[in-house]
mmCIF file of all heavy atoms, coordinates in Angstrom:
data_MODEL
# 
_entry.id   MODEL 
# 
loop_
_atom_site.group_PDB 
_atom_site.id 
_atom_site.type_symbol 
_atom_site.label_atom_id 
_atom_site.label_alt_id 
_atom_site.label_comp_id 
_atom_site.label_asym_id 
_atom_site.label_entity_id 
_atom_site.label_seq_id 
_atom_site.pdbx_PDB_ins_code 
_atom_site.Cartn_x 
_atom_site.Cartn_y 
_atom_site.Cartn_z 
_atom_site.occupancy 
_atom_site.B_iso_or_equiv 
_atom_site.pdbx_formal_charge 
_atom_site.auth_seq_id 
_atom_site.auth_comp_id 
_atom_site.auth_asym_id 
_atom_site.auth_atom_id 
_atom_site.pdbx_PDB_model_num 
ATOM 1   N N   . GLY A 1 1  ? 1.136  -17.787 6.502  1.00 0.00 ? 1  GLY A N   1 
ATOM 2   C CA  . GLY A 1 1  ? 1.294  -16.601 7.347  1.00 0.00 ? 1  GLY A CA  1 
ATOM 3   C C   . GLY A 1 1  ? 0.087  -16.360 8.226  1.00 0.00 ? 1  GLY A C   1 
ATOM 4   O O   . GLY A 1 1  ? 0.217  -16.059 9.418  1.00 0.00 ? 1  GLY A O   1 
ATOM 5   N N   . ALA A 1 2  ? -1.105 -16.528 7.662  1.00 0.00 ? 2  ALA A N   1 
ATOM 6   C CA  . ALA A 1 2  ? -2.336 -16.332 8.438  1.00 0.00 ? 2  ALA A CA  1 
ATOM 7   C C   . ALA A 1 2  ? -2.456 -17.378 9.538  1.00 0.00 ? 2  ALA A C   1 
ATOM 8   O O   . ALA A 1 2  ? -2.832 -17.059 10.667 1.00 0.00 ? 2  ALA A O   1 
ATOM 9   C CB  . ALA A 1 2  ? -3.542 -16.387 7.513  1.00 0.00 ? 2  ALA A CB  1 
ATOM 10  N N   . GLU A 1 3  ? -2.126 -18.617 9.208  1.00 0.00 ? 3  GLU A N   1 
ATOM 11  C CA  . GLU A 1 3  ? -2.199 -19.680 10.207 1.00 0.00 ? 3  GLU A CA  1 
ATOM 12  C C   . GLU A 1 3  ? -1.223 -19.434 11.355 1.00 0.00 ? 3  GLU A C   1 
ATOM 13  O O   . GLU A 1 3  ? -1.562 -19.604 12.526 1.00 0.00 ? 3  GLU A O   1 
ATOM 14  C CB  . GLU A 1 3  ? -1.907 -21.031 9.564  1.00 0.00 ? 3  GLU A CB  1 
ATOM 15  C CG  . GLU A 1 3  ? -2.052 -22.191 10.518 1.00 0.00 ? 3  GLU A CG  1 
ATOM 16  C CD  . GLU A 1 3  ? -1.899 -23.537 9.834  1.00 0.00 ? 3  GLU A CD  1 
ATOM 17  O OE1 . GLU A 1 3  ? -2.315 -23.691 8.679  1.00 0.00 ? 3  GLU A OE1 1 
ATOM 18  O OE2 . GLU A 1 3  ? -1.354 -24.450 10.489 1.00 0.00 ? 3  GLU A OE2 1 
ATOM 19  N N   . LEU A 1 4  ? -0.014 -19.018 11.018 1.00 0.00 ? 4  LEU A N   1 
ATOM 20  C CA  . LEU A 1 4  ? 0.985  -18.753 12.058 1.00 0.00 ? 4  LEU A CA  1 
ATOM 21  C C   . LEU A 1 4  ? 0.587  -17.554 12.908 1.00 0.00 ? 4  LEU A C   1 
ATOM 22  O O   . LEU A 1 4  ? 0.750  -17.572 14.125 1.00 0.00 ? 4  LEU A O   1 
ATOM 23  C CB  . LEU A 1 4  ? 2.358  -18.540 11.428 1.00 0.00 ? 4  LEU A CB  1 
ATOM 24  C CG  . LEU A 1 4  ? 2.956  -19.761 10.715 1.00 0.00 ? 4  LEU A CG  1 
ATOM 25  C CD1 . LEU A 1 4  ? 4.251  -19.373 10.001 1.00 0.00 ? 4  LEU A CD1 1 
ATOM 26  C CD2 . LEU A 1 4  ? 3.185  -20.913 11.670 1.00 0.00 ? 4  LEU A CD2 1 
ATOM 27  N N   . SER A 1 5  ? 0.021  -16.517 12.277 1.00 0.00 ? 5  SER A N   1 
ATOM 28  C CA  . SER A 1 5  ? -0.424 -15.336 13.021 1.00 0.00 ? 5  SER A CA  1 
ATOM 29  C C   . SER A 1 5  ? -1.583 -15.682 13.951 1.00 0.00 ? 5  SER A C   1 
ATOM 30  O O   . SER A 1 5  ? -1.651 -15.196 15.072 1.00 0.00 ? 5  SER A O   1 
ATOM 31  C CB  . SER A 1 5  ? -0.863 -14.228 12.063 1.00 0.00 ? 5  SER A CB  1 
ATOM 32  O OG  . SER A 1 5  ? 0.238  -13.741 11.350 1.00 0.00 ? 5  SER A OG  1 
ATOM 33  N N   . ALA A 1 6  ? -2.490 -16.518 13.474 1.00 0.00 ? 6  ALA A N   1 
ATOM 34  C CA  . ALA A 1 6  ? -3.661 -16.886 14.263 1.00 0.00 ? 6  ALA A CA  1 
ATOM 35  C C   . ALA A 1 6  ? -3.310 -17.776 15.454 1.00 0.00 ? 6  ALA A C   1 
ATOM 36  O O   . ALA A 1 6  ? -4.082 -17.876 16.395 1.00 0.00 ? 6  ALA A O   1 
ATOM 37  C CB  . ALA A 1 6  ? -4.683 -17.595 13.377 1.00 0.00 ? 6  ALA A CB  1 
ATOM 38  N N   . SER A 1 7  ? -2.145 -18.400 15.389 1.00 0.00 ? 7  SER A N   1 
ATOM 39  C CA  . SER A 1 7  ? -1.762 -19.289 16.484 1.00 0.00 ? 7  SER A CA  1 
ATOM 40  C C   . SER A 1 7  ? -1.517 -18.511 17.770 1.00 0.00 ? 7  SER A C   1 
ATOM 41  O O   . SER A 1 7  ? -1.516 -19.084 18.847 1.00 0.00 ? 7  SER A O   1 
ATOM 42  C CB  . SER A 1 7  ? -0.510 -20.090 16.124 1.00 0.00 ? 7  SER A CB  1 
ATOM 43  O OG  . SER A 1 7  ? 0.642  -19.275 16.182 1.00 0.00 ? 7  SER A OG  1 
ATOM 44  N N   . SER A 1 8  ? -1.307 -17.196 17.656 1.00 0.00 ? 8  SER A N   1 
ATOM 45  C CA  . SER A 1 8  ? -1.052 -16.301 18.788 1.00 0.00 ? 8  SER A CA  1 
ATOM 46  C C   . SER A 1 8  ? 0.013  -16.846 19.728 1.00 0.00 ? 8  SER A C   1 
ATOM 47  O O   . SER A 1 8  ? -0.048 -16.685 20.926 1.00 0.00 ? 8  SER A O   1 
ATOM 48  C CB  . SER A 1 8  ? -2.342 -15.977 19.546 1.00 0.00 ? 8  SER A CB  1 
ATOM 49  O OG  . SER A 1 8  ? -2.812 -17.106 20.237 1.00 0.00 ? 8  SER A OG  1 
ATOM 50  N N   . LYS A 1 9  ? 0.954  -17.503 19.167 1.00 0.00 ? 9  LYS A N   1 
ATOM 51  C CA  . LYS A 1 9  ? 2.066  -18.046 19.938 1.00 0.00 ? 9  LYS A CA  1 
ATOM 52  C C   . LYS A 1 9  ? 3.321  -17.235 19.644 1.00 0.00 ? 9  LYS A C   1 
ATOM 53  O O   . LYS A 1 9  ? 3.397  -16.522 18.658 1.00 0.00 ? 9  LYS A O   1 
ATOM 54  C CB  . LYS A 1 9  ? 2.298  -19.511 19.560 1.00 0.00 ? 9  LYS A CB  1 
ATOM 55  C CG  . LYS A 1 9  ? 1.059  -20.369 19.628 1.00 0.00 ? 9  LYS A CG  1 
ATOM 56  C CD  . LYS A 1 9  ? 1.239  -21.468 20.615 1.00 0.00 ? 9  LYS A CD  1 
ATOM 57  C CE  . LYS A 1 9  ? 0.086  -22.433 20.541 1.00 0.00 ? 9  LYS A CE  1 
ATOM 58  N NZ  . LYS A 1 9  ? -0.778 -22.423 21.625 1.00 0.00 ? 9  LYS A NZ  1 
ATOM 59  N N   . SER A 1 10 ? 4.307  -17.350 20.476 1.00 0.00 ? 10 SER A N   1 
ATOM 60  C CA  . SER A 1 10 ? 5.562  -16.641 20.305 1.00 0.00 ? 10 SER A CA  1 
ATOM 61  C C   . SER A 1 10 ? 6.474  -17.434 19.371 1.00 0.00 ? 10 SER A C   1 
ATOM 62  O O   . SER A 1 10 ? 7.150  -18.368 19.791 1.00 0.00 ? 10 SER A O   1 
ATOM 63  C CB  . SER A 1 10 ? 6.222  -16.445 21.671 1.00 0.00 ? 10 SER A CB  1 
ATOM 64  O OG  . SER A 1 10 ? 7.485  -15.841 21.512 1.00 0.00 ? 10 SER A OG  1 
ATOM 65  N N   . LEU A 1 11 ? 6.447  -17.065 18.086 1.00 0.00 ? 11 LEU A N   1 
ATOM 66  C CA  . LEU A 1 11 ? 7.259  -17.743 17.083 1.00 0.00 ? 11 LEU A CA  1 
ATOM 67  C C   . LEU A 1 11 ? 8.439  -16.876 16.677 1.00 0.00 ? 11 LEU A C   1 
ATOM 68  O O   . LEU A 1 11 ? 8.311  -15.652 16.566 1.00 0.00 ? 11 LEU A O   1 
ATOM 69  C CB  . LEU A 1 11 ? 6.417  -18.066 15.845 1.00 0.00 ? 11 LEU A CB  1 
ATOM 70  C CG  . LEU A 1 11 ? 5.350  -19.131 16.047 1.00 0.00 ? 11 LEU A CG  1 
ATOM 71  C CD1 . LEU A 1 11 ? 4.370  -19.123 14.887 1.00 0.00 ? 11 LEU A CD1 1 
ATOM 72  C CD2 . LEU A 1 11 ? 5.994  -20.501 16.181 1.00 0.00 ? 11 LEU A CD2 1 
ATOM 73  N N   . LYS A 1 12 ? 9.574  -17.508 16.451 1.00 0.00 ? 12 LYS A N   1 
ATOM 74  C CA  . LYS A 1 12 ? 10.775 -16.800 16.010 1.00 0.00 ? 12 LYS A CA  1 
ATOM 75  C C   . LYS A 1 12 ? 11.364 -17.515 14.802 1.00 0.00 ? 12 LYS A C   1 
ATOM 76  O O   . LYS A 1 12 ? 11.291 -18.743 14.701 1.00 0.00 ? 12 LYS A O   1 
ATOM 77  C CB  . LYS A 1 12 ? 11.825 -16.759 17.115 1.00 0.00 ? 12 LYS A CB  1 
ATOM 78  C CG  . LYS A 1 12 ? 11.445 -15.901 18.283 1.00 0.00 ? 12 LYS A CG  1 
ATOM 79  C CD  . LYS A 1 12 ? 12.561 -15.857 19.302 1.00 0.00 ? 12 LYS A CD  1 
ATOM 80  C CE  . LYS A 1 12 ? 12.158 -14.976 20.479 1.00 0.00 ? 12 LYS A CE  1 
ATOM 81  N NZ  . LYS A 1 12 ? 13.220 -14.910 21.480 1.00 0.00 ? 12 LYS A NZ  1 
ATOM 82  N N   . TRP A 1 13 ? 11.943 -16.714 13.924 1.00 0.00 ? 13 TRP A N   1 
ATOM 83  C CA  . TRP A 1 13 ? 12.657 -17.243 12.767 1.00 0.00 ? 13 TRP A CA  1 
ATOM 84  C C   . TRP A 1 13 ? 14.059 -16.660 12.807 1.00 0.00 ? 13 TRP A C   1 
ATOM 85  O O   . TRP A 1 13 ? 14.229 -15.448 12.866 1.00 0.00 ? 13 TRP A O   1 
ATOM 86  C CB  . TRP A 1 13 ? 11.944 -16.869 11.473 1.00 0.00 ? 13 TRP A CB  1 
ATOM 87  C CG  . TRP A 1 13 ? 12.683 -17.205 10.225 1.00 0.00 ? 13 TRP A CG  1 
ATOM 88  C CD1 . TRP A 1 13 ? 13.336 -18.363 9.937  1.00 0.00 ? 13 TRP A CD1 1 
ATOM 89  C CD2 . TRP A 1 13 ? 12.843 -16.363 9.093  1.00 0.00 ? 13 TRP A CD2 1 
ATOM 90  N NE1 . TRP A 1 13 ? 13.882 -18.297 8.688  1.00 0.00 ? 13 TRP A NE1 1 
ATOM 91  C CE2 . TRP A 1 13 ? 13.598 -17.074 8.138  1.00 0.00 ? 13 TRP A CE2 1 
ATOM 92  C CE3 . TRP A 1 13 ? 12.427 -15.078 8.782  1.00 0.00 ? 13 TRP A CE3 1 
ATOM 93  C CZ2 . TRP A 1 13 ? 13.942 -16.549 6.907  1.00 0.00 ? 13 TRP A CZ2 1 
ATOM 94  C CZ3 . TRP A 1 13 ? 12.766 -14.560 7.552  1.00 0.00 ? 13 TRP A CZ3 1 
ATOM 95  C CH2 . TRP A 1 13 ? 13.509 -15.294 6.637  1.00 0.00 ? 13 TRP A CH2 1 
ATOM 96  N N   . ASP A 1 14 ? 15.044 -17.524 12.840 1.00 0.00 ? 14 ASP A N   1 
ATOM 97  C CA  . ASP A 1 14 ? 16.444 -17.114 12.889 1.00 0.00 ? 14 ASP A CA  1 
ATOM 98  C C   . ASP A 1 14 ? 16.711 -16.175 14.072 1.00 0.00 ? 14 ASP A C   1 
ATOM 99  O O   . ASP A 1 14 ? 17.438 -15.204 13.969 1.00 0.00 ? 14 ASP A O   1 
ATOM 100 C CB  . ASP A 1 14 ? 16.831 -16.457 11.564 1.00 0.00 ? 14 ASP A CB  1 
ATOM 101 C CG  . ASP A 1 14 ? 18.334 -16.430 11.351 1.00 0.00 ? 14 ASP A CG  1 
ATOM 102 O OD1 . ASP A 1 14 ? 19.043 -17.332 11.860 1.00 0.00 ? 14 ASP A OD1 1 
ATOM 103 O OD2 . ASP A 1 14 ? 18.825 -15.491 10.680 1.00 0.00 ? 14 ASP A OD2 1 
ATOM 104 N N   . GLY A 1 15 ? 16.052 -16.467 15.200 1.00 0.00 ? 15 GLY A N   1 
ATOM 105 C CA  . GLY A 1 15 ? 16.266 -15.702 16.423 1.00 0.00 ? 15 GLY A CA  1 
ATOM 106 C C   . GLY A 1 15 ? 15.476 -14.406 16.516 1.00 0.00 ? 15 GLY A C   1 
ATOM 107 O O   . GLY A 1 15 ? 15.518 -13.732 17.536 1.00 0.00 ? 15 GLY A O   1 
ATOM 108 N N   . GLU A 1 16 ? 14.744 -14.040 15.461 1.00 0.00 ? 16 GLU A N   1 
ATOM 109 C CA  . GLU A 1 16 ? 13.972 -12.793 15.455 1.00 0.00 ? 16 GLU A CA  1 
ATOM 110 C C   . GLU A 1 16 ? 12.486 -13.090 15.641 1.00 0.00 ? 16 GLU A C   1 
ATOM 111 O O   . GLU A 1 16 ? 11.998 -14.118 15.172 1.00 0.00 ? 16 GLU A O   1 
ATOM 112 C CB  . GLU A 1 16 ? 14.174 -12.047 14.127 1.00 0.00 ? 16 GLU A CB  1 
ATOM 113 C CG  . GLU A 1 16 ? 15.603 -11.613 13.882 1.00 0.00 ? 16 GLU A CG  1 
ATOM 114 C CD  . GLU A 1 16 ? 16.098 -10.607 14.901 1.00 0.00 ? 16 GLU A CD  1 
ATOM 115 O OE1 . GLU A 1 16 ? 15.317 -9.713  15.289 1.00 0.00 ? 16 GLU A OE1 1 
ATOM 116 O OE2 . GLU A 1 16 ? 17.260 -10.723 15.323 1.00 0.00 ? 16 GLU A OE2 1 
ATOM 117 N N   . PRO A 1 17 ? 11.733 -12.170 16.266 1.00 0.00 ? 17 PRO A N   1 
ATOM 118 C CA  . PRO A 1 17 ? 10.299 -12.391 16.487 1.00 0.00 ? 17 PRO A CA  1 
ATOM 119 C C   . PRO A 1 17 ? 9.494  -12.168 15.200 1.00 0.00 ? 17 PRO A C   1 
ATOM 120 O O   . PRO A 1 17 ? 8.776  -11.193 15.044 1.00 0.00 ? 17 PRO A O   1 
ATOM 121 C CB  . PRO A 1 17 ? 9.943  -11.371 17.560 1.00 0.00 ? 17 PRO A CB  1 
ATOM 122 C CG  . PRO A 1 17 ? 10.943 -10.281 17.372 1.00 0.00 ? 17 PRO A CG  1 
ATOM 123 C CD  . PRO A 1 17 ? 12.204 -10.961 16.901 1.00 0.00 ? 17 PRO A CD  1 
ATOM 124 N N   . SER A 1 18 ? 9.667  -13.059 14.271 1.00 0.00 ? 18 SER A N   1 
ATOM 125 C CA  . SER A 1 18 ? 8.991  -12.994 12.984 1.00 0.00 ? 18 SER A CA  1 
ATOM 126 C C   . SER A 1 18 ? 8.941  -14.400 12.411 1.00 0.00 ? 18 SER A C   1 
ATOM 127 O O   . SER A 1 18 ? 9.754  -15.251 12.763 1.00 0.00 ? 18 SER A O   1 
ATOM 128 C CB  . SER A 1 18 ? 9.770  -12.070 12.030 1.00 0.00 ? 18 SER A CB  1 
ATOM 129 O OG  . SER A 1 18 ? 9.311  -12.215 10.705 1.00 0.00 ? 18 SER A OG  1 
ATOM 130 N N   . THR A 1 19 ? 8.000  -14.638 11.497 1.00 0.00 ? 19 THR A N   1 
ATOM 131 C CA  . THR A 1 19 ? 7.958  -15.925 10.815 1.00 0.00 ? 19 THR A CA  1 
ATOM 132 C C   . THR A 1 19 ? 8.534  -15.827 9.410  1.00 0.00 ? 19 THR A C   1 
ATOM 133 O O   . THR A 1 19 ? 8.855  -16.836 8.808  1.00 0.00 ? 19 THR A O   1 
ATOM 134 C CB  . THR A 1 19 ? 6.526  -16.463 10.721 1.00 0.00 ? 19 THR A CB  1 
ATOM 135 O OG1 . THR A 1 19 ? 5.744  -15.593 9.895  1.00 0.00 ? 19 THR A OG1 1 
ATOM 136 C CG2 . THR A 1 19 ? 5.906  -16.611 12.106 1.00 0.00 ? 19 THR A CG2 1 
ATOM 137 N N   . GLY A 1 20 ? 8.613  -14.604 8.877  1.00 0.00 ? 20 GLY A N   1 
ATOM 138 C CA  . GLY A 1 20 ? 9.090  -14.422 7.513  1.00 0.00 ? 20 GLY A CA  1 
ATOM 139 C C   . GLY A 1 20 ? 8.023  -14.682 6.463  1.00 0.00 ? 20 GLY A C   1 
ATOM 140 O O   . GLY A 1 20 ? 8.300  -14.603 5.273  1.00 0.00 ? 20 GLY A O   1 
ATOM 141 N N   . PHE A 1 21 ? 6.793  -14.981 6.884  1.00 0.00 ? 21 PHE A N   1 
ATOM 142 C CA  . PHE A 1 21 ? 5.698  -15.211 5.959  1.00 0.00 ? 21 PHE A CA  1 
ATOM 143 C C   . PHE A 1 21 ? 4.802  -13.979 5.921  1.00 0.00 ? 21 PHE A C   1 
ATOM 144 O O   . PHE A 1 21 ? 4.648  -13.289 6.928  1.00 0.00 ? 21 PHE A O   1 
ATOM 145 C CB  . PHE A 1 21 ? 4.876  -16.441 6.373  1.00 0.00 ? 21 PHE A CB  1 
ATOM 146 C CG  . PHE A 1 21 ? 5.597  -17.733 6.136  1.00 0.00 ? 21 PHE A CG  1 
ATOM 147 C CD1 . PHE A 1 21 ? 6.329  -18.328 7.141  1.00 0.00 ? 21 PHE A CD1 1 
ATOM 148 C CD2 . PHE A 1 21 ? 5.566  -18.335 4.889  1.00 0.00 ? 21 PHE A CD2 1 
ATOM 149 C CE1 . PHE A 1 21 ? 7.013  -19.517 6.927  1.00 0.00 ? 21 PHE A CE1 1 
ATOM 150 C CE2 . PHE A 1 21 ? 6.247  -19.518 4.656  1.00 0.00 ? 21 PHE A CE2 1 
ATOM 151 C CZ  . PHE A 1 21 ? 6.976  -20.113 5.669  1.00 0.00 ? 21 PHE A CZ  1 
ATOM 152 N N   . PRO A 1 22 ? 4.173  -13.691 4.775  1.00 0.00 ? 22 PRO A N   1 
ATOM 153 C CA  . PRO A 1 22 ? 3.301  -12.520 4.686  1.00 0.00 ? 22 PRO A CA  1 
ATOM 154 C C   . PRO A 1 22 ? 2.087  -12.670 5.599  1.00 0.00 ? 22 PRO A C   1 
ATOM 155 O O   . PRO A 1 22 ? 1.568  -13.776 5.761  1.00 0.00 ? 22 PRO A O   1 
ATOM 156 C CB  . PRO A 1 22 ? 2.883  -12.493 3.206  1.00 0.00 ? 22 PRO A CB  1 
ATOM 157 C CG  . PRO A 1 22 ? 3.069  -13.891 2.724  1.00 0.00 ? 22 PRO A CG  1 
ATOM 158 C CD  . PRO A 1 22 ? 4.207  -14.462 3.529  1.00 0.00 ? 22 PRO A CD  1 
ATOM 159 N N   . ALA A 1 23 ? 1.688  -11.559 6.183  1.00 0.00 ? 23 ALA A N   1 
ATOM 160 C CA  . ALA A 1 23 ? 0.537  -11.575 7.091  1.00 0.00 ? 23 ALA A CA  1 
ATOM 161 C C   . ALA A 1 23 ? -0.782 -11.515 6.340  1.00 0.00 ? 23 ALA A C   1 
ATOM 162 O O   . ALA A 1 23 ? -1.825 -11.877 6.873  1.00 0.00 ? 23 ALA A O   1 
ATOM 163 C CB  . ALA A 1 23 ? 0.628  -10.408 8.073  1.00 0.00 ? 23 ALA A CB  1 
ATOM 164 N N   . SER A 1 24 ? -0.756 -11.027 5.093  1.00 0.00 ? 24 SER A N   1 
ATOM 165 C CA  . SER A 1 24 ? -1.975 -10.943 4.270  1.00 0.00 ? 24 SER A CA  1 
ATOM 166 C C   . SER A 1 24 ? -1.577 -10.859 2.809  1.00 0.00 ? 24 SER A C   1 
ATOM 167 O O   . SER A 1 24 ? -0.391 -10.733 2.477  1.00 0.00 ? 24 SER A O   1 
ATOM 168 C CB  . SER A 1 24 ? -2.796 -9.722  4.657  1.00 0.00 ? 24 SER A CB  1 
ATOM 169 O OG  . SER A 1 24 ? -2.197 -8.546  4.134  1.00 0.00 ? 24 SER A OG  1 
ATOM 170 N N   . ILE A 1 25 ? -2.552 -10.891 1.945  1.00 0.00 ? 25 ILE A N   1 
ATOM 171 C CA  . ILE A 1 25 ? -2.307 -10.799 0.507  1.00 0.00 ? 25 ILE A CA  1 
ATOM 172 C C   . ILE A 1 25 ? -1.725 -9.434  0.143  1.00 0.00 ? 25 ILE A C   1 
ATOM 173 O O   . ILE A 1 25 ? -1.100 -9.270  -0.895 1.00 0.00 ? 25 ILE A O   1 
ATOM 174 C CB  . ILE A 1 25 ? -3.598 -11.100 -0.286 1.00 0.00 ? 25 ILE A CB  1 
ATOM 175 C CG1 . ILE A 1 25 ? -3.307 -11.364 -1.762 1.00 0.00 ? 25 ILE A CG1 1 
ATOM 176 C CG2 . ILE A 1 25 ? -4.599 -9.982  -0.152 1.00 0.00 ? 25 ILE A CG2 1 
ATOM 177 C CD1 . ILE A 1 25 ? -2.675 -12.676 -2.037 1.00 0.00 ? 25 ILE A CD1 1 
ATOM 178 N N   . HIS A 1 26 ? -1.899 -8.451  1.005  1.00 0.00 ? 26 HIS A N   1 
ATOM 179 C CA  . HIS A 1 26 ? -1.393 -7.096  0.743  1.00 0.00 ? 26 HIS A CA  1 
ATOM 180 C C   . HIS A 1 26 ? -0.029 -6.849  1.370  1.00 0.00 ? 26 HIS A C   1 
ATOM 181 O O   . HIS A 1 26 ? 0.447  -5.737  1.390  1.00 0.00 ? 26 HIS A O   1 
ATOM 182 C CB  . HIS A 1 26 ? -2.405 -6.058  1.247  1.00 0.00 ? 26 HIS A CB  1 
ATOM 183 C CG  . HIS A 1 26 ? -3.746 -6.246  0.636  1.00 0.00 ? 26 HIS A CG  1 
ATOM 184 N ND1 . HIS A 1 26 ? -4.014 -5.963  -0.685 1.00 0.00 ? 26 HIS A ND1 1 
ATOM 185 C CD2 . HIS A 1 26 ? -4.910 -6.705  1.150  1.00 0.00 ? 26 HIS A CD2 1 
ATOM 186 C CE1 . HIS A 1 26 ? -5.273 -6.249  -0.960 1.00 0.00 ? 26 HIS A CE1 1 
ATOM 187 N NE2 . HIS A 1 26 ? -5.832 -6.700  0.150  1.00 0.00 ? 26 HIS A NE2 1 
ATOM 188 N N   . ASP A 1 27 ? 0.594  -7.889  1.873  1.00 0.00 ? 27 ASP A N   1 
ATOM 189 C CA  . ASP A 1 27 ? 1.916  -7.780  2.481  1.00 0.00 ? 27 ASP A CA  1 
ATOM 190 C C   . ASP A 1 27 ? 2.954  -7.395  1.445  1.00 0.00 ? 27 ASP A C   1 
ATOM 191 O O   . ASP A 1 27 ? 2.892  -7.834  0.294  1.00 0.00 ? 27 ASP A O   1 
ATOM 192 C CB  . ASP A 1 27 ? 2.287  -9.137  3.107  1.00 0.00 ? 27 ASP A CB  1 
ATOM 193 C CG  . ASP A 1 27 ? 3.496  -9.044  4.006  1.00 0.00 ? 27 ASP A CG  1 
ATOM 194 O OD1 . ASP A 1 27 ? 4.605  -9.019  3.457  1.00 0.00 ? 27 ASP A OD1 1 
ATOM 195 O OD2 . ASP A 1 27 ? 3.316  -9.000  5.230  1.00 0.00 ? 27 ASP A OD2 1 
ATOM 196 N N   . PRO A 1 28 ? 3.935  -6.562  1.804  1.00 0.00 ? 28 PRO A N   1 
ATOM 197 C CA  . PRO A 1 28 ? 4.983  -6.153  0.851  1.00 0.00 ? 28 PRO A CA  1 
ATOM 198 C C   . PRO A 1 28 ? 5.771  -7.319  0.246  1.00 0.00 ? 28 PRO A C   1 
ATOM 199 O O   . PRO A 1 28 ? 6.349  -7.182  -0.811 1.00 0.00 ? 28 PRO A O   1 
ATOM 200 C CB  . PRO A 1 28 ? 5.896  -5.257  1.684  1.00 0.00 ? 28 PRO A CB  1 
ATOM 201 C CG  . PRO A 1 28 ? 5.095  -4.835  2.853  1.00 0.00 ? 28 PRO A CG  1 
ATOM 202 C CD  . PRO A 1 28 ? 4.081  -5.903  3.093  1.00 0.00 ? 28 PRO A CD  1 
ATOM 203 N N   . VAL A 1 29 ? 5.771  -8.469  0.901  1.00 0.00 ? 29 VAL A N   1 
ATOM 204 C CA  . VAL A 1 29 ? 6.473  -9.623  0.359  1.00 0.00 ? 29 VAL A CA  1 
ATOM 205 C C   . VAL A 1 29 ? 5.899  -9.992  -1.003 1.00 0.00 ? 29 VAL A C   1 
ATOM 206 O O   . VAL A 1 29 ? 6.610  -10.361 -1.925 1.00 0.00 ? 29 VAL A O   1 
ATOM 207 C CB  . VAL A 1 29 ? 6.399  -10.833 1.317  1.00 0.00 ? 29 VAL A CB  1 
ATOM 208 C CG1 . VAL A 1 29 ? 6.935  -12.092 0.673  1.00 0.00 ? 29 VAL A CG1 1 
ATOM 209 C CG2 . VAL A 1 29 ? 7.154  -10.526 2.608  1.00 0.00 ? 29 VAL A CG2 1 
# 
């Protein structure tokens, strides 16, 4: 999640603007 967030690129998962990975250890996931 951190690597994908740091890429600062426009990533989508299943058509939505999200990767589905937690952004940090404190993520609700």
